[in-house]
Amino acid sequence: GTVASGRLQSASVEVNPWNVMRIEVGGGTRVDAQVVTDGLRTLTWRDLSADAVLWRSLFVMASVYEERGDLGRSRQGYLSLSWRF
């Protein structure tokens, strides 16, 4: 565009072992070139998530996400247990 141009690359892989679990790994890189400031910004991320059926109506899900870039770094984690009745 007229304000910025850039490149985005990402990849993700998912497997379903034993047909009761799902595991996914992903990540990527984004580079933006700002026309106005004539600078580059880089951002990379990676994530891991998994969910599983523990017993007919009981499910567990976990996720971890990390992001690093020129403006800082952040990490997030999430764990959930749900029961359908």
N, C-alpha and C. Protein backbone atom coordinates (compact mmCIF):
# COMPACT_ATOMS: atom_id res chain seq x y z
N GLY A 1 0.81 -1.18 0.00
CA GLY A 1 0.00 0.00 0.00
C GLY A 1 0.86 1.25 0.00
N THR A 2 0.25 2.38 0.18
CA THR A 2 0.96 3.65 0.16
C THR A 2 1.60 3.99 1.51
N VAL A 3 1.12 3.38 2.60
CA VAL A 3 1.65 3.67 3.93
C VAL A 3 2.69 2.63 4.38
N ALA A 4 2.45 1.38 4.05
CA ALA A 4 3.36 0.31 4.48
C ALA A 4 3.33 -0.84 3.49
N SER A 5 4.43 -1.57 3.47
CA SER A 5 4.47 -2.81 2.71
C SER A 5 5.17 -3.83 3.59
N GLY A 6 4.98 -5.11 3.29
CA GLY A 6 5.59 -6.09 4.16
C GLY A 6 5.49 -7.51 3.65
N ARG A 7 5.89 -8.42 4.54
CA ARG A 7 5.90 -9.84 4.22
C ARG A 7 5.39 -10.61 5.44
N LEU A 8 4.58 -11.62 5.20
CA LEU A 8 4.04 -12.47 6.26
C LEU A 8 4.29 -13.92 5.90
N GLN A 9 4.88 -14.67 6.83
CA GLN A 9 5.10 -16.10 6.65
C GLN A 9 4.59 -16.80 7.89
N SER A 10 3.81 -17.87 7.70
CA SER A 10 3.33 -18.62 8.85
C SER A 10 3.15 -20.09 8.47
N ALA A 11 3.18 -20.93 9.49
CA ALA A 11 3.01 -22.37 9.29
C ALA A 11 2.35 -22.97 10.52
N SER A 12 1.64 -24.07 10.30
CA SER A 12 0.95 -24.75 11.39
C SER A 12 0.86 -26.23 11.06
N VAL A 13 1.01 -27.06 12.09
CA VAL A 13 0.89 -28.51 11.93
C VAL A 13 -0.02 -29.02 13.04
N GLU A 14 -0.95 -29.89 12.66
CA GLU A 14 -1.89 -30.47 13.62
C GLU A 14 -1.91 -31.98 13.48
N VAL A 15 -1.94 -32.68 14.62
CA VAL A 15 -2.08 -34.14 14.62
C VAL A 15 -3.21 -34.52 15.56
N ASN A 16 -3.85 -35.65 15.27
CA ASN A 16 -4.95 -36.18 16.10
C ASN A 16 -4.63 -37.61 16.53
N PRO A 17 -3.76 -37.78 17.53
CA PRO A 17 -3.44 -39.15 17.95
C PRO A 17 -4.61 -39.80 18.69
N TRP A 18 -4.80 -41.05 18.45
CA TRP A 18 -5.83 -41.89 19.11
C TRP A 18 -7.26 -41.38 18.92
N ASN A 19 -7.45 -40.38 18.09
CA ASN A 19 -8.78 -39.86 17.77
C ASN A 19 -9.52 -39.27 18.97
N VAL A 20 -8.84 -39.00 20.09
CA VAL A 20 -9.46 -38.36 21.25
C VAL A 20 -8.66 -37.12 21.68
N MET A 21 -7.60 -36.82 20.94
CA MET A 21 -6.71 -35.71 21.30
C MET A 21 -6.32 -34.95 20.04
N ARG A 22 -6.07 -33.65 20.20
CA ARG A 22 -5.60 -32.82 19.10
C ARG A 22 -4.43 -31.98 19.60
N ILE A 23 -3.34 -31.97 18.86
CA ILE A 23 -2.16 -31.17 19.20
C ILE A 23 -1.80 -30.33 17.98
N GLU A 24 -1.60 -29.04 18.21
CA GLU A 24 -1.27 -28.12 17.11
C GLU A 24 -0.08 -27.25 17.50
N VAL A 25 0.87 -27.10 16.57
CA VAL A 25 2.04 -26.25 16.75
C VAL A 25 2.07 -25.28 15.57
N GLY A 26 2.31 -24.02 15.86
CA GLY A 26 2.35 -23.03 14.79
C GLY A 26 3.30 -21.90 15.10
N GLY A 27 3.54 -21.07 14.10
CA GLY A 27 4.40 -19.92 14.29
C GLY A 27 4.53 -19.13 13.01
N GLY A 28 5.22 -17.99 13.11
CA GLY A 28 5.39 -17.19 11.92
C GLY A 28 6.20 -15.93 12.16
N THR A 29 6.37 -15.18 11.09
CA THR A 29 7.12 -13.92 11.11
C THR A 29 6.41 -12.91 10.23
N ARG A 30 6.37 -11.68 10.72
CA ARG A 30 5.82 -10.58 9.92
C ARG A 30 6.82 -9.44 9.92
N VAL A 31 7.11 -8.90 8.75
CA VAL A 31 8.03 -7.76 8.61
C VAL A 31 7.27 -6.67 7.86
N ASP A 32 7.20 -5.47 8.46
CA ASP A 32 6.53 -4.33 7.85
C ASP A 32 7.55 -3.24 7.58
N ALA A 33 7.49 -2.65 6.41
CA ALA A 33 8.32 -1.49 6.06
C ALA A 33 7.41 -0.27 6.05
N GLN A 34 7.63 0.66 6.97
CA GLN A 34 6.83 1.87 7.06
C GLN A 34 7.38 2.92 6.10
N VAL A 35 6.56 3.35 5.16
CA VAL A 35 6.99 4.34 4.16
C VAL A 35 7.26 5.69 4.82
N VAL A 36 6.39 6.10 5.75
CA VAL A 36 6.51 7.43 6.38
C VAL A 36 7.77 7.53 7.23
N THR A 37 8.03 6.52 8.07
CA THR A 37 9.20 6.57 8.98
C THR A 37 10.42 5.91 8.38
N ASP A 38 10.28 5.25 7.25
CA ASP A 38 11.37 4.55 6.58
C ASP A 38 12.06 3.54 7.51
N GLY A 39 11.24 2.84 8.32
CA GLY A 39 11.79 1.84 9.25
C GLY A 39 11.12 0.49 9.06
N LEU A 40 11.80 -0.54 9.57
CA LEU A 40 11.27 -1.90 9.52
C LEU A 40 10.80 -2.32 10.90
N ARG A 41 9.70 -3.04 10.95
CA ARG A 41 9.21 -3.65 12.19
C ARG A 41 9.11 -5.14 11.97
N THR A 42 9.62 -5.91 12.93
CA THR A 42 9.59 -7.37 12.83
C THR A 42 8.83 -7.93 14.02
N LEU A 43 8.00 -8.93 13.74
CA LEU A 43 7.23 -9.61 14.78
C LEU A 43 7.28 -11.11 14.50
N THR A 44 7.63 -11.91 15.50
CA THR A 44 7.60 -13.36 15.36
C THR A 44 6.72 -13.93 16.46
N TRP A 45 6.08 -15.04 16.18
CA TRP A 45 5.22 -15.69 17.17
C TRP A 45 5.31 -17.19 17.02
N ARG A 46 4.95 -17.88 18.10
CA ARG A 46 4.84 -19.34 18.09
C ARG A 46 3.79 -19.73 19.11
N ASP A 47 3.12 -20.84 18.83
CA ASP A 47 2.08 -21.29 19.74
C ASP A 47 1.98 -22.81 19.76
N LEU A 48 1.44 -23.31 20.85
CA LEU A 48 1.22 -24.73 21.04
C LEU A 48 -0.12 -24.87 21.73
N SER A 49 -0.99 -25.72 21.19
CA SER A 49 -2.27 -25.96 21.84
C SER A 49 -2.61 -27.44 21.76
N ALA A 50 -3.35 -27.89 22.76
CA ALA A 50 -3.76 -29.29 22.81
C ALA A 50 -5.11 -29.37 23.50
N ASP A 51 -5.94 -30.28 23.04
CA ASP A 51 -7.19 -30.57 23.73
C ASP A 51 -7.46 -32.07 23.65
N ALA A 52 -8.21 -32.55 24.66
CA ALA A 52 -8.45 -34.00 24.73
C ALA A 52 -9.76 -34.29 25.43
N VAL A 53 -10.34 -35.42 25.09
CA VAL A 53 -11.52 -35.94 25.78
C VAL A 53 -11.00 -36.83 26.90
N LEU A 54 -11.33 -36.49 28.15
CA LEU A 54 -10.87 -37.29 29.27
C LEU A 54 -11.83 -38.43 29.59
N TRP A 55 -13.11 -38.13 29.48
CA TRP A 55 -14.13 -39.13 29.75
C TRP A 55 -15.44 -38.61 29.17
N ARG A 56 -16.10 -39.34 28.37
CA ARG A 56 -17.32 -38.99 27.63
C ARG A 56 -17.69 -37.52 27.60
N SER A 57 -17.92 -36.89 28.73
CA SER A 57 -18.37 -35.50 28.77
C SER A 57 -17.36 -34.54 29.38
N LEU A 58 -16.16 -34.99 29.64
CA LEU A 58 -15.14 -34.17 30.28
C LEU A 58 -14.01 -33.87 29.28
N PHE A 59 -13.73 -32.58 29.10
CA PHE A 59 -12.76 -32.12 28.11
C PHE A 59 -11.73 -31.21 28.77
N VAL A 60 -10.49 -31.30 28.32
CA VAL A 60 -9.44 -30.40 28.80
C VAL A 60 -8.77 -29.75 27.59
N MET A 61 -8.39 -28.46 27.75
CA MET A 61 -7.75 -27.72 26.68
C MET A 61 -6.63 -26.87 27.28
N ALA A 62 -5.47 -26.86 26.63
CA ALA A 62 -4.34 -26.03 27.08
C ALA A 62 -3.73 -25.33 25.88
N SER A 63 -3.26 -24.10 26.10
CA SER A 63 -2.69 -23.32 25.02
C SER A 63 -1.60 -22.40 25.56
N VAL A 64 -0.50 -22.27 24.80
CA VAL A 64 0.59 -21.35 25.14
C VAL A 64 0.93 -20.56 23.87
N TYR A 65 1.08 -19.25 24.01
CA TYR A 65 1.36 -18.37 22.87
C TYR A 65 2.48 -17.40 23.29
N GLU A 66 3.48 -17.24 22.43
CA GLU A 66 4.56 -16.29 22.69
C GLU A 66 4.77 -15.42 21.46
N GLU A 67 5.00 -14.13 21.71
CA GLU A 67 5.18 -13.16 20.64
C GLU A 67 6.39 -12.28 20.98
N ARG A 68 7.26 -12.07 20.00
CA ARG A 68 8.43 -11.21 20.17
C ARG A 68 8.52 -10.24 19.00
N GLY A 69 8.85 -9.01 19.32
CA GLY A 69 8.98 -8.04 18.25
C GLY A 69 9.76 -6.83 18.68
N ASP A 70 9.87 -5.87 17.78
CA ASP A 70 10.60 -4.64 18.06
C ASP A 70 9.94 -3.82 19.17
N LEU A 71 8.65 -3.99 19.38
CA LEU A 71 7.93 -3.21 20.38
C LEU A 71 7.79 -3.93 21.72
N GLY A 72 8.33 -5.15 21.84
CA GLY A 72 8.24 -5.86 23.11
C GLY A 72 8.04 -7.35 22.94
N ARG A 73 7.69 -7.96 24.06
CA ARG A 73 7.52 -9.41 24.12
C ARG A 73 6.34 -9.73 25.03
N SER A 74 5.58 -10.77 24.67
CA SER A 74 4.47 -11.18 25.54
C SER A 74 4.30 -12.70 25.48
N ARG A 75 3.77 -13.24 26.56
CA ARG A 75 3.47 -14.66 26.66
C ARG A 75 2.11 -14.83 27.30
N GLN A 76 1.34 -15.77 26.76
CA GLN A 76 0.01 -16.04 27.31
C GLN A 76 -0.16 -17.55 27.44
N GLY A 77 -0.82 -17.95 28.51
CA GLY A 77 -1.15 -19.36 28.69
C GLY A 77 -2.61 -19.49 29.08
N TYR A 78 -3.21 -20.61 28.71
CA TYR A 78 -4.63 -20.81 28.97
C TYR A 78 -4.86 -22.29 29.26
N LEU A 79 -5.63 -22.58 30.29
CA LEU A 79 -5.97 -23.95 30.65
C LEU A 79 -7.46 -23.98 30.98
N SER A 80 -8.15 -24.95 30.43
CA SER A 80 -9.59 -25.03 30.64
C SER A 80 -10.04 -26.47 30.82
N LEU A 81 -11.01 -26.66 31.66
CA LEU A 81 -11.64 -27.95 31.89
C LEU A 81 -13.14 -27.74 31.75
N SER A 82 -13.78 -28.51 30.90
CA SER A 82 -15.22 -28.34 30.72
C SER A 82 -15.94 -29.68 30.82
N TRP A 83 -17.17 -29.60 31.27
CA TRP A 83 -18.00 -30.78 31.47
C TRP A 83 -19.35 -30.54 30.82
N ARG A 84 -19.72 -31.38 29.89
CA ARG A 84 -21.04 -31.29 29.24
C ARG A 84 -22.01 -32.19 29.98
N PHE A 85 -23.15 -31.65 30.29
CA PHE A 85 -24.18 -32.47 30.96
C PHE A 85 -25.52 -32.27 30.33
